């Protein structure tokens, strides 16, 4: 009798474990990424510059995420010789952001629809950030306009609003849990100030955009979702 009970128990455990296959996910991800930055400021020319992103994600669901991120990077623009204003800057910045992110899979029934299944990892996110600006190259005077100069600060701290859209490729392990994620995104950062380039001119605020590729790795806190995460 004990052997029968043991056999039935093992079968039941196996059945329920298999029933959860595809529904489980890690609540926490650690990630890193690289970005290509473009700053739109008071400088007359725009340059591409690099950045490194480090992030930690809390997954409320596989498709509803809260992300804390640290950025270390560079912003640059202008030309002191070949522009009329002579404005030029290079900003070695540090930024921290917090974003809420929702993916289409949270809203769509993708189980039996090829198109919705392809779209389920499309996301949009937004939040708030703070950036510390540190100019290691700055020019505010013109070679061509006598006595022309701009004001500004070599260091500053400003708030900004990050808005990001993109696609998250999920790579599943043998239990159909998303264990690695590849993030391709575009982020628009509206700065609530005018010191991103160390130059204060006009009434328009500064902004910078980023093309991002990132990698996230599941680090624990497994729980289950209401529907299968891969396509059924």
Protein backbone atom coordinates (compact mmCIF):
# COMPACT_ATOMS: atom_id res chain seq x y z
CA UNK A 1 0.00 0.00 0.00
CA UNK A 2 2.81 2.40 0.87
CA UNK A 3 4.39 1.77 -2.52
CA UNK A 4 1.12 2.58 -4.28
CA UNK A 5 0.72 5.80 -2.30
CA UNK A 6 4.31 6.77 -3.05
CA UNK A 7 3.86 6.04 -6.76
CA UNK A 8 0.63 8.06 -6.93
CA UNK A 9 2.27 10.96 -5.05
CA UNK A 10 5.20 11.04 -7.45
CA UNK A 11 2.82 10.99 -10.42
CA UNK A 12 0.79 13.85 -9.00
CA UNK A 13 3.89 15.93 -8.28
CA UNK A 14 5.17 15.30 -11.79
CA UNK A 15 1.79 16.20 -13.27
CA UNK A 16 1.53 19.52 -11.45
CA UNK A 17 5.17 20.37 -12.12
CA UNK A 18 4.63 19.76 -15.82
CA UNK A 19 1.37 21.74 -15.71
CA UNK A 20 3.40 24.77 -14.63
CA UNK A 21 5.89 24.40 -17.48
CA UNK A 22 5.93 27.68 -19.35
CA UNK A 23 4.20 29.64 -16.56
CA UNK A 24 7.15 30.26 -14.23
CA UNK A 25 9.54 33.20 -14.39
CA UNK A 26 12.20 34.92 -12.28
CA UNK A 27 11.07 38.06 -10.49
CA UNK A 28 14.54 39.64 -10.61
CA UNK A 29 16.94 40.34 -13.49
CA UNK A 30 20.43 41.85 -13.51
CA UNK A 31 21.59 43.40 -16.74
CA UNK A 32 24.04 45.50 -18.68
CA UNK A 33 24.01 47.23 -22.02
CA UNK A 34 25.69 49.68 -24.34
CA UNK A 35 24.20 52.75 -25.97
CA UNK A 36 24.92 55.22 -28.73
CA UNK A 37 24.07 58.75 -27.56
CA UNK A 38 23.09 61.86 -29.50
CA UNK A 39 22.79 65.18 -27.65
CA UNK A 40 20.54 67.97 -28.96
CA UNK A 41 21.68 71.13 -27.21
CA UNK A 42 22.84 74.69 -27.87
CA UNK A 43 25.87 73.40 -29.79
CA UNK A 44 25.50 73.57 -33.56
CA UNK A 45 26.68 70.06 -34.47
CA UNK A 46 25.68 66.65 -33.15
CA UNK A 47 28.07 63.78 -32.42
CA UNK A 48 27.60 60.11 -31.57
CA UNK A 49 29.08 59.04 -28.23
CA UNK A 50 29.04 55.82 -26.14
CA UNK A 51 27.50 54.87 -22.80
CA UNK A 52 27.39 51.85 -20.49
CA UNK A 53 24.15 50.84 -18.74
CA UNK A 54 23.84 48.71 -15.59
CA UNK A 55 20.35 47.81 -14.42
CA UNK A 56 18.29 45.78 -11.98
CA UNK A 57 14.73 44.76 -12.83
CA UNK A 58 11.81 43.68 -10.70
CA UNK A 59 9.38 41.68 -12.85
CA UNK A 60 5.90 42.13 -11.41
CA UNK A 61 4.88 39.87 -14.29
CA UNK A 62 6.94 38.71 -17.29
CA UNK A 63 5.49 41.68 -19.18
CA UNK A 64 5.24 44.34 -16.45
CA UNK A 65 8.65 45.45 -15.21
CA UNK A 66 10.20 48.06 -12.91
CA UNK A 67 13.77 48.99 -13.80
CA UNK A 68 16.45 50.86 -11.83
CA UNK A 69 19.39 51.81 -14.03
CA UNK A 70 22.81 53.45 -13.76
CA UNK A 71 24.40 55.04 -16.83
CA UNK A 72 28.05 55.97 -17.30
CA UNK A 73 28.72 57.71 -20.57
CA UNK A 74 29.70 60.65 -22.69
CA UNK A 75 27.78 63.34 -24.56
CA UNK A 76 29.45 65.67 -27.04
CA UNK A 77 28.69 68.22 -29.70
CA UNK A 78 29.73 71.42 -31.40
CA UNK A 79 32.92 72.58 -33.09
CA UNK A 80 35.03 75.49 -31.83
CA UNK A 81 36.61 76.11 -35.27
CA UNK A 82 34.05 75.24 -37.93
CA UNK A 83 30.90 76.79 -36.44
CA UNK A 84 29.89 80.43 -36.14
CA UNK A 85 29.13 80.28 -32.42
CA UNK A 86 32.25 78.28 -31.58
CA UNK A 87 30.31 76.29 -28.99
CA UNK A 88 31.79 72.90 -28.20
CA UNK A 89 31.44 70.50 -25.27
CA UNK A 90 32.23 67.02 -24.05
CA UNK A 91 30.28 65.84 -21.03
CA UNK A 92 31.39 62.77 -19.07
CA UNK A 93 28.12 62.10 -17.30
CA UNK A 94 26.63 59.77 -14.70
CA UNK A 95 22.87 59.21 -14.65
CA UNK A 96 20.40 57.18 -12.62
CA UNK A 97 16.87 56.38 -13.77
CA UNK A 98 13.79 54.53 -12.62
CA UNK A 99 11.30 53.35 -15.24
CA UNK A 100 8.07 51.38 -15.33
CA UNK A 101 7.78 49.21 -18.43
CA UNK A 102 4.79 47.44 -19.95
CA UNK A 103 5.01 44.90 -22.76
CA UNK A 104 2.21 44.08 -25.15
CA UNK A 105 2.00 40.53 -23.78
CA UNK A 106 0.42 41.91 -20.61
CA UNK A 107 -2.56 43.12 -22.66
CA UNK A 108 -2.81 40.65 -25.57
CA UNK A 109 -4.08 37.09 -25.81
CA UNK A 110 -1.16 35.74 -27.83
CA UNK A 111 -1.78 32.02 -27.23
CA UNK A 112 -3.31 31.22 -30.62
CA UNK A 113 -2.47 34.28 -32.68
CA UNK A 114 0.76 34.39 -34.69
CA UNK A 115 0.78 38.19 -35.01
CA UNK A 116 0.07 38.86 -31.34
CA UNK A 117 2.70 36.29 -30.36
CA UNK A 118 5.28 38.21 -32.42
CA UNK A 119 4.20 41.51 -30.86
CA UNK A 120 3.98 40.38 -27.23
CA UNK A 121 7.54 41.54 -26.40
CA UNK A 122 7.11 45.07 -27.79
CA UNK A 123 7.32 47.50 -24.88
CA UNK A 124 7.02 51.13 -23.86
CA UNK A 125 8.39 52.58 -20.65
CA UNK A 126 8.79 55.89 -18.88
CA UNK A 127 9.95 57.31 -15.59
CA UNK A 128 12.28 59.82 -14.02
CA UNK A 129 16.05 60.26 -14.00
CA UNK A 130 18.81 62.46 -12.63
CA UNK A 131 21.99 63.26 -14.55
CA UNK A 132 25.27 64.62 -13.21
CA UNK A 133 27.04 66.66 -15.92
CA UNK A 134 30.82 67.07 -15.92
CA UNK A 135 32.41 69.00 -18.81
CA UNK A 136 35.99 67.98 -19.56
CA UNK A 137 35.95 69.94 -22.84
CA UNK A 138 34.08 73.22 -23.13
CA UNK A 139 34.23 76.26 -25.41
CA UNK A 140 31.73 79.11 -25.15
CA UNK A 141 33.38 81.79 -27.30
CA UNK A 142 33.40 82.43 -31.05
CA UNK A 143 36.43 82.92 -33.30
CA UNK A 144 34.33 84.85 -35.79
CA UNK A 145 32.02 87.10 -33.74
CA UNK A 146 33.93 89.65 -31.61
CA UNK A 147 33.12 89.58 -27.88
CA UNK A 148 30.60 86.77 -28.36
CA UNK A 149 30.41 84.34 -25.47
CA UNK A 150 27.87 82.12 -23.76
CA UNK A 151 27.30 81.47 -20.08
CA UNK A 152 27.06 78.08 -18.39
CA UNK A 153 28.43 75.74 -15.73
CA UNK A 154 31.11 73.08 -15.98
CA UNK A 155 29.29 70.81 -13.54
CA UNK A 156 25.59 70.51 -12.82
CA UNK A 157 22.86 68.10 -11.73
CA UNK A 158 19.53 67.99 -13.57
CA UNK A 159 16.36 65.94 -13.68
CA UNK A 160 15.20 64.35 -16.93
CA UNK A 161 12.28 62.30 -18.20
CA UNK A 162 13.23 59.06 -20.02
CA UNK A 163 10.77 57.51 -22.47
CA UNK A 164 11.79 54.25 -24.13
CA UNK A 165 10.31 51.96 -26.77
CA UNK A 166 11.76 48.67 -27.93
CA UNK A 167 11.59 44.91 -28.20
CA UNK A 168 12.74 42.28 -25.70
CA UNK A 169 13.83 38.93 -27.09
CA UNK A 170 13.34 36.23 -24.45
CA UNK A 171 15.54 33.12 -24.41
CA UNK A 172 14.01 30.21 -22.50
CA UNK A 173 15.71 27.50 -20.49
CA UNK A 174 14.73 23.81 -20.44
CA UNK A 175 11.79 24.60 -18.13
CA UNK A 176 10.39 27.21 -20.57
CA UNK A 177 11.38 30.02 -18.17
CA UNK A 178 12.81 33.25 -19.67
CA UNK A 179 16.38 33.12 -18.35
CA UNK A 180 18.13 35.54 -20.75
CA UNK A 181 16.67 38.62 -22.41
CA UNK A 182 18.08 40.72 -25.24
CA UNK A 183 16.80 44.29 -25.31
CA UNK A 184 16.79 46.47 -28.43
CA UNK A 185 15.49 49.95 -27.66
CA UNK A 186 15.34 53.65 -28.45
CA UNK A 187 15.24 56.08 -25.55
CA UNK A 188 14.29 59.77 -25.61
CA UNK A 189 15.50 61.79 -22.63
CA UNK A 190 13.96 65.22 -22.07
CA UNK A 191 16.14 67.24 -19.70
CA UNK A 192 14.40 69.66 -17.34
CA UNK A 193 17.26 72.13 -17.63
CA UNK A 194 19.76 73.71 -20.03
CA UNK A 195 23.15 72.58 -18.75
CA UNK A 196 23.60 69.25 -20.52
CA UNK A 197 26.24 70.94 -22.70
CA UNK A 198 27.50 73.44 -20.09
CA UNK A 199 26.02 76.25 -22.17
CA UNK A 200 22.93 78.29 -21.34
CA UNK A 201 21.36 79.92 -24.37
CA UNK A 202 17.78 80.54 -25.48
CA UNK A 203 14.62 79.09 -23.94
CA UNK A 204 14.74 75.55 -25.35
CA UNK A 205 15.63 72.72 -22.95
CA UNK A 206 18.31 70.16 -23.78
CA UNK A 207 17.65 66.53 -24.66
CA UNK A 208 19.55 63.42 -25.69
CA UNK A 209 18.54 60.21 -27.42
CA UNK A 210 19.97 56.70 -27.16
CA UNK A 211 20.02 53.57 -29.27
CA UNK A 212 20.43 50.73 -26.78
CA UNK A 213 21.30 47.05 -26.88
CA UNK A 214 21.18 45.27 -23.55
CA UNK A 215 21.30 41.86 -21.91
CA UNK A 216 19.40 40.75 -18.81
CA UNK A 217 19.91 37.60 -16.78
CA UNK A 218 17.40 36.01 -14.41
CA UNK A 219 18.78 35.99 -10.86
CA UNK A 220 16.03 34.45 -8.76
CA UNK A 221 12.74 34.85 -6.94
CA UNK A 222 10.80 32.43 -9.15
CA UNK A 223 7.03 32.67 -9.26
CA UNK A 224 4.25 31.87 -11.75
CA UNK A 225 2.20 33.82 -14.27
CA UNK A 226 -1.48 33.44 -15.19
CA UNK A 227 -0.73 32.23 -18.73
CA UNK A 228 2.06 30.46 -20.58
CA UNK A 229 4.92 32.84 -21.35
CA UNK A 230 6.03 31.09 -24.55
CA UNK A 231 3.39 30.73 -27.23
CA UNK A 232 1.07 27.81 -26.51
